[in-house]
Structure formats: C-alpha cells, structure tokens
Amino acid sequence: MPYAACSTIKNTFPALLYILTICAFLLVERDLLGPPKGRLPGHATAWTPWAKPNNTVPWNLMPSPNTPSIAYIIMTSLVTRDLHLSQRRTFLRDAKHVWAFSDVDDGVFTTTLPSLEGKGTWQDAQHRQLRGMQSLHLPLNIDWIFMIDDDTWVNTPVLHRFLSLLPASLPLMMCGHVTINSRYNGGAGILISRPLFDTIVPKLYTEQCPFLGVNDDTVTACARSVPNATLMHSSAFQYYPKPIDYANQFVDQITIHPVKDPEFMQAMTATVNEFYKT
C-alpha cells in the first residue's frame, strides 16, 4: 500500500474513533440516565435521577421492607370502567385505600363529583384526579399517594421495595417518569409523598398552581414551585413500552402503561406474585 494512503488512514482513524465515542456517550446518556439533569432554569427544584442499587442481588432476594401505606388515586370513566375493574381484581385486590374518579358514581368501585358527573370527554377527564384529590380526607397513616390511569399496571412488590430505598431525609418528594418536555407522564404513574401532597393539593386551581390543560403538567408545575421539593425520575415507571414477550421485561418495572387486556394484566400480576413470593 502506498505511504500516502497509509498516512491518510492513520490520521483518519483517531478522528473516526473520537466521533463514534461521542455518539455512544450521547446514546447512553439519552437512553439510560434519563432527562433532565441539574436544575431547571427558573426553578429551585432539581431533578434527581434514580437507579436500582448496583449489585447482583435480585429484587426478590432483597430484604422485605415494611409495607408503606399507599393511596391509589385513579382516573377512569364509564367507557373504560372494565379496565379499572381489572385493576381491582389483580394488583389492587388487597389494597386498602383506592379512589377511582370517573364521570359516573357506580356506588361501589368508581365515584365522581357534581362538577364532573356526566362529563366524559378527554378534557373533562383531566380534572378528575385533581378535583378528586381536593375532595379527599385521607387517613393520617397514608404515606404515599399514587396517581395512575385505569390502564396502568402496577408491580406492587417492586413498588414497595422502591419506596423503601428512598431517603427519609427528603420528605417533599415526587417520583415517576420524566418525559422529554420535563414533565411527568401520568399514565406511567406519579408518586407523591404525603408531605408534598398536603402542600400542593390546596394550591391547585389557584394563581400559585393554575390548571395547565393536562393533569400531569399541572401537578408537575405545582410540585416544582415548592421550595426544597425533590422531583425524581426513574425509567422503572414505564409508558408506551416495546411489545412485551417475556416476564423479564416487566418483573423489575414499577409500572407498565398502557395495559388494556384484562387477561394480560392478570397474567402479569400472577407472574410477579410468584416471582416475589408475595
């Protein structure tokens, strides 16, 4: 091979390697670390990424934590009532605190408010959880409030382990999946600590926390306005996942959204209950 050709290859290779390294870094940052980092412009609240402990101990072999007291606040409707009933039959079967806000009151599983009764549009649905939370008088022993949709599946054993790993020194906390537009995805679930819940709920629909057209946008912005609040991102809260073919694609997730097949929801719940021996 001529010397000039060898010299060109020799000079090009380091540059190509550098470009590939930068691209790989950007991909890892985007896919694994999760957006965004640091402080959001104009806000005193920092996004805090979270990852499972870096060890080889499977979730099912980790010490079983004290079960926290969780209140589930669910957005549902008359049209999708069967999805919520599937939740009740599966992962919510033993849950003690469940409120499902709908456009109808069925007298058993779903309730509504006078201002929302008979209003079944998507725009109306954005108010159900927010207005519903303002109407509640939660028991004092509730530690966490979990906002989910009626097509959200929750892996309760992993949820309990996740909560047991959160630092008690950060009482004002919100957890979920932060999307590329820096808000939580409500379908993936929004976990709110009781102190933060008690702080933001009275502010909803006021000048401090105006309604922004979508429930998860509104809750995110309101939490960001609270001094010393910690907003945590974790990819364990999953929305619009790739097609699930194997159990290992969901056994270590906290949520999967959407799950619109009742039989699939039942199979997923049975699988994690067996895996974690609950």
Protein backbone atom coordinates (compact mmCIF):
# COMPACT_ATOMS: atom_id res chain seq x y z
CA MET A 1 0.00 0.00 0.00
CA PRO A 2 1.41 3.45 -0.88
CA TYR A 3 2.76 5.51 2.01
CA ALA A 4 0.30 8.37 1.38
CA ALA A 5 -2.69 6.04 1.66
CA CYS A 6 -1.38 4.53 4.89
CA SER A 7 -0.79 8.00 6.30
CA THR A 8 -4.36 9.07 5.44
CA ILE A 9 -5.84 6.00 7.14
CA LYS A 10 -3.58 6.53 10.14
CA ASN A 11 -4.73 10.14 10.52
CA THR A 12 -8.43 9.40 9.89
CA PHE A 13 -8.82 6.51 12.32
CA PRO A 14 -8.40 8.54 15.58
CA ALA A 15 -10.93 11.11 14.37
CA LEU A 16 -13.43 8.39 13.46
CA LEU A 17 -12.91 6.69 16.81
CA TYR A 18 -13.49 10.01 18.60
CA ILE A 19 -16.76 10.60 16.72
CA LEU A 20 -18.01 7.09 17.48
CA THR A 21 -17.13 7.51 21.17
CA ILE A 22 -19.07 10.79 21.41
CA CYS A 23 -22.10 9.25 19.67
CA ALA A 24 -22.06 6.26 22.02
CA PHE A 25 -21.86 8.55 25.03
CA LEU A 26 -24.82 10.59 23.85
CA LEU A 27 -26.89 7.46 23.27
CA VAL A 28 -26.11 6.12 26.74
CA GLU A 29 -26.91 9.46 28.29
CA ARG A 30 -30.23 9.69 26.48
CA ASP A 31 -31.40 6.11 26.99
CA LEU A 32 -30.02 5.16 30.40
CA LEU A 33 -29.60 8.23 32.52
CA GLY A 34 -32.87 9.93 31.69
CA PRO A 35 -33.70 13.59 31.22
CA PRO A 36 -33.17 16.14 32.56
CA LYS A 37 -30.18 16.74 34.89
CA GLY A 38 -29.27 19.53 37.22
CA ARG A 39 -31.55 22.43 37.95
CA LEU A 40 -34.32 23.54 35.66
CA PRO A 41 -33.97 27.14 34.50
CA GLY A 42 -36.06 29.46 36.64
CA HIS A 43 -36.80 26.85 39.29
CA ALA A 44 -35.19 25.96 42.60
CA THR A 45 -36.09 22.30 42.27
CA ALA A 46 -33.58 19.77 40.97
CA TRP A 47 -34.47 16.65 39.00
CA THR A 48 -32.86 13.65 40.66
CA PRO A 49 -32.28 10.53 38.55
CA TRP A 50 -32.68 7.20 40.32
CA ALA A 51 -31.33 3.75 39.53
CA LYS A 52 -31.58 0.39 41.19
CA PRO A 53 -28.70 -0.44 43.56
CA ASN A 54 -25.59 -1.53 41.68
CA ASN A 55 -25.35 -5.07 42.99
CA THR A 56 -26.12 -8.60 41.92
CA VAL A 57 -28.91 -9.26 44.41
CA PRO A 58 -32.22 -9.80 42.60
CA TRP A 59 -35.18 -7.75 43.75
CA ASN A 60 -36.90 -10.86 45.06
CA LEU A 61 -33.95 -11.67 47.37
CA MET A 62 -33.61 -8.19 48.82
CA PRO A 63 -34.80 -7.70 52.42
CA SER A 64 -38.55 -7.32 52.50
CA PRO A 65 -39.32 -3.75 53.60
CA ASN A 66 -42.09 -2.58 55.84
CA THR A 67 -45.07 -2.13 53.56
CA PRO A 68 -45.80 1.57 53.16
CA SER A 69 -49.37 2.82 53.22
CA ILE A 70 -50.30 3.91 49.69
CA ALA A 71 -53.46 5.64 48.48
CA TYR A 72 -54.23 4.98 44.81
CA ILE A 73 -55.95 7.85 43.00
CA ILE A 74 -57.18 6.56 39.64
CA MET A 75 -58.54 8.33 36.59
CA THR A 76 -61.25 6.25 34.94
CA SER A 77 -64.56 6.67 33.10
CA LEU A 78 -67.81 4.90 32.35
CA VAL A 79 -66.44 3.83 28.97
CA THR A 80 -63.28 2.30 30.46
CA ARG A 81 -64.76 1.01 33.72
CA ASP A 82 -63.88 -2.60 32.85
CA LEU A 83 -60.19 -1.68 32.82
CA HIS A 84 -60.44 -0.36 36.35
CA LEU A 85 -62.33 -3.47 37.45
CA SER A 86 -59.41 -5.50 36.11
CA GLN A 87 -57.08 -3.46 38.32
CA ARG A 88 -59.29 -4.19 41.31
CA ARG A 89 -59.18 -7.92 40.59
CA THR A 90 -55.40 -8.04 40.21
CA PHE A 91 -52.75 -5.82 41.81
CA LEU A 92 -55.32 -3.76 43.79
CA ARG A 93 -57.06 -6.80 45.21
CA ASP A 94 -55.62 -6.29 48.70
CA ALA A 95 -55.18 -2.51 48.55
CA LYS A 96 -56.86 -0.69 51.43
CA HIS A 97 -57.03 2.83 50.01
CA VAL A 98 -58.33 3.18 46.45
CA TRP A 99 -60.31 6.05 44.96
CA ALA A 100 -61.29 5.87 41.28
CA PHE A 101 -62.70 9.13 39.96
CA SER A 102 -64.97 8.83 36.95
CA ASP A 103 -67.78 10.65 35.19
CA VAL A 104 -70.26 8.37 37.00
CA ASP A 105 -70.72 7.05 40.51
CA ASP A 106 -71.39 3.31 40.32
CA GLY A 107 -71.90 3.10 44.08
CA VAL A 108 -69.14 0.51 44.53
CA PHE A 109 -65.88 0.99 42.62
CA THR A 110 -65.98 4.42 41.00
CA THR A 111 -67.06 7.82 42.24
CA THR A 112 -67.46 11.29 40.77
CA LEU A 113 -68.01 14.89 41.78
CA PRO A 114 -71.08 17.03 40.99
CA SER A 115 -68.97 19.26 38.74
CA LEU A 116 -67.75 16.26 36.71
CA GLU A 117 -70.79 13.97 36.64
CA GLY A 118 -71.81 13.01 33.11
CA LYS A 119 -68.81 14.80 31.58
CA GLY A 120 -66.98 12.11 29.66
CA THR A 121 -64.62 13.99 27.33
CA TRP A 122 -60.82 13.77 27.45
CA GLN A 123 -60.69 17.42 28.54
CA ASP A 124 -63.10 16.71 31.40
CA ALA A 125 -61.03 13.71 32.46
CA GLN A 126 -58.02 15.93 33.16
CA HIS A 127 -59.83 17.35 36.19
CA ARG A 128 -60.94 14.08 37.80
CA GLN A 129 -57.85 13.26 39.82
CA LEU A 130 -57.07 16.88 40.67
CA ARG A 131 -60.57 17.75 41.87
CA GLY A 132 -60.86 14.33 43.44
CA MET A 133 -57.70 14.80 45.49
CA GLN A 134 -59.02 18.12 46.75
CA SER A 135 -62.22 16.41 47.92
CA LEU A 136 -60.47 13.68 49.92
CA HIS A 137 -59.83 13.49 53.63
CA LEU A 138 -57.00 10.97 53.66
CA PRO A 139 -56.33 8.89 56.78
CA LEU A 140 -53.30 10.12 58.73
CA ASN A 141 -51.44 6.85 58.18
CA ILE A 142 -51.20 7.33 54.40
CA ASP A 143 -47.52 7.71 53.44
CA TRP A 144 -47.73 7.98 49.64
CA ILE A 145 -50.31 8.93 47.04
CA PHE A 146 -50.05 7.20 43.65
CA MET A 147 -51.79 8.83 40.69
CA ILE A 148 -52.39 6.29 37.90
CA ASP A 149 -54.74 5.72 34.96
CA ASP A 150 -57.19 2.85 34.68
CA ASP A 151 -54.93 1.21 32.07
CA THR A 152 -51.82 1.39 34.27
CA TRP A 153 -50.46 -1.87 35.68
CA VAL A 154 -48.53 -1.67 38.95
CA ASN A 155 -45.93 -4.14 40.15
CA THR A 156 -46.63 -3.76 43.87
CA PRO A 157 -43.69 -5.84 45.23
CA VAL A 158 -41.20 -3.68 43.32
CA LEU A 159 -43.11 -0.51 44.21
CA HIS A 160 -42.74 -1.32 47.91
CA ARG A 161 -39.02 -2.03 47.52
CA PHE A 162 -38.56 1.19 45.57
CA LEU A 163 -40.21 3.21 48.33
CA SER A 164 -38.08 1.52 50.98
CA LEU A 165 -34.92 2.75 49.23
CA LEU A 166 -35.93 6.40 49.12
CA PRO A 167 -34.18 8.62 51.68
CA ALA A 168 -36.36 9.63 54.60
CA SER A 169 -34.42 12.91 54.73
CA LEU A 170 -36.32 14.13 51.64
CA PRO A 171 -39.97 14.29 52.75
CA LEU A 172 -41.12 16.54 49.89
CA MET A 173 -40.77 14.09 47.03
CA MET A 174 -42.41 13.24 43.73
CA CYS A 175 -41.37 10.22 41.64
CA GLY A 176 -42.20 8.99 38.16
CA HIS A 177 -41.06 9.07 34.55
CA VAL A 178 -39.92 12.49 33.41
CA THR A 179 -40.56 12.91 29.69
CA ILE A 180 -38.54 14.92 27.18
CA ASN A 181 -40.65 18.01 27.86
CA SER A 182 -39.67 17.89 31.55
CA ARG A 183 -42.99 16.76 32.97
CA TYR A 184 -44.20 13.53 34.45
CA ASN A 185 -46.20 11.07 32.41
CA GLY A 186 -49.43 10.44 34.32
CA GLY A 187 -50.05 7.05 32.71
CA ALA A 188 -46.71 5.78 34.00
CA GLY A 189 -47.81 6.86 37.45
CA ILE A 190 -46.93 9.82 39.68
CA LEU A 191 -45.91 9.01 43.25
CA ILE A 192 -46.34 11.86 45.72
CA SER A 193 -45.12 11.79 49.30
CA ARG A 194 -47.73 12.72 51.88
CA PRO A 195 -46.00 15.97 52.96
CA LEU A 196 -45.75 17.15 49.34
CA PHE A 197 -49.33 16.07 48.64
CA ASP A 198 -50.59 18.10 51.61
CA THR A 199 -48.57 21.06 50.34
CA ILE A 200 -49.64 21.16 46.69
CA VAL A 201 -53.26 19.98 46.71
CA PRO A 202 -54.68 23.11 48.40
CA LYS A 203 -52.82 25.23 45.80
CA LEU A 204 -54.35 23.52 42.75
CA TYR A 205 -56.57 25.81 40.65
CA THR A 206 -55.08 28.91 42.27
CA GLU A 207 -52.67 31.55 40.95
CA GLN A 208 -49.85 29.58 42.56
CA CYS A 209 -50.78 26.37 40.72
CA PRO A 210 -53.13 27.14 37.82
CA PHE A 211 -54.64 24.39 35.71
CA LEU A 212 -52.46 23.91 32.62
CA GLY A 213 -54.85 21.88 30.49
CA VAL A 214 -53.43 18.46 31.43
CA ASN A 215 -53.41 16.89 34.88
CA ASP A 216 -49.78 15.69 34.85
CA ASP A 217 -48.50 19.06 33.57
CA THR A 218 -50.40 20.78 36.36
CA VAL A 219 -49.10 18.51 39.12
CA THR A 220 -45.52 18.70 37.84
CA ALA A 221 -45.51 22.50 37.68
CA CYS A 222 -47.10 22.80 41.11
CA ALA A 223 -44.51 20.47 42.69
CA ARG A 224 -41.70 22.42 41.02
CA SER A 225 -42.94 25.58 42.71
CA VAL A 226 -42.44 24.10 46.19
CA PRO A 227 -39.11 25.04 47.80
CA ASN A 228 -36.90 22.06 48.71
CA ALA A 229 -39.08 19.58 46.80
CA THR A 230 -37.26 16.74 45.07
CA LEU A 231 -38.60 15.51 41.74
CA MET A 232 -37.17 12.11 40.91
CA HIS A 233 -37.01 10.36 37.54
CA SER A 234 -36.86 6.60 37.09
CA SER A 235 -37.28 4.51 33.95
CA ALA A 236 -38.87 1.85 36.17
CA PHE A 237 -42.06 3.84 35.60
CA GLN A 238 -42.74 2.74 32.02
CA TYR A 239 -45.12 4.14 29.43
CA TYR A 240 -45.69 3.03 25.85
CA PRO A 241 -43.16 0.20 26.18
CA LYS A 242 -41.95 -2.06 23.43
CA PRO A 243 -44.10 -5.18 22.94
CA ILE A 244 -43.73 -7.43 25.98
CA ASP A 245 -42.79 -11.00 25.12
CA TYR A 246 -41.05 -12.27 28.26
CA ALA A 247 -41.53 -11.92 32.00
CA ASN A 248 -38.11 -10.33 32.47
CA GLN A 249 -39.40 -7.33 30.52
CA PHE A 250 -41.76 -6.34 33.35
CA VAL A 251 -40.86 -8.16 36.59
CA ASP A 252 -38.46 -5.39 37.65
CA GLN A 253 -40.61 -2.49 36.44
CA ILE A 254 -42.80 -0.47 38.81
CA THR A 255 -45.47 0.32 36.23
CA ILE A 256 -46.39 -0.56 32.65
CA HIS A 257 -48.72 1.72 30.68
CA PRO A 258 -50.94 1.09 28.86
CA VAL A 259 -52.23 -2.40 29.58
CA LYS A 260 -55.66 -2.73 28.01
CA ASP A 261 -56.03 -6.52 28.05
CA PRO A 262 -57.56 -7.77 31.36
CA GLU A 263 -56.19 -11.27 30.83
CA PHE A 264 -52.70 -9.90 30.27
CA MET A 265 -52.98 -7.76 33.41
CA GLN A 266 -53.98 -10.85 35.36
CA ALA A 267 -51.09 -12.89 33.94
CA MET A 268 -48.55 -10.16 34.74
CA THR A 269 -49.81 -9.88 38.32
CA ALA A 270 -49.73 -13.64 38.83
CA THR A 271 -46.20 -13.78 37.43
CA VAL A 272 -44.76 -11.14 39.77
CA ASN A 273 -46.59 -12.59 42.76
CA GLU A 274 -44.97 -15.95 42.08
CA PHE A 275 -41.58 -14.41 41.31
CA TYR A 276 -41.51 -12.39 44.52
CA LYS A 277 -43.43 -14.98 46.56
CA THR A 278 -45.97 -12.48 47.80
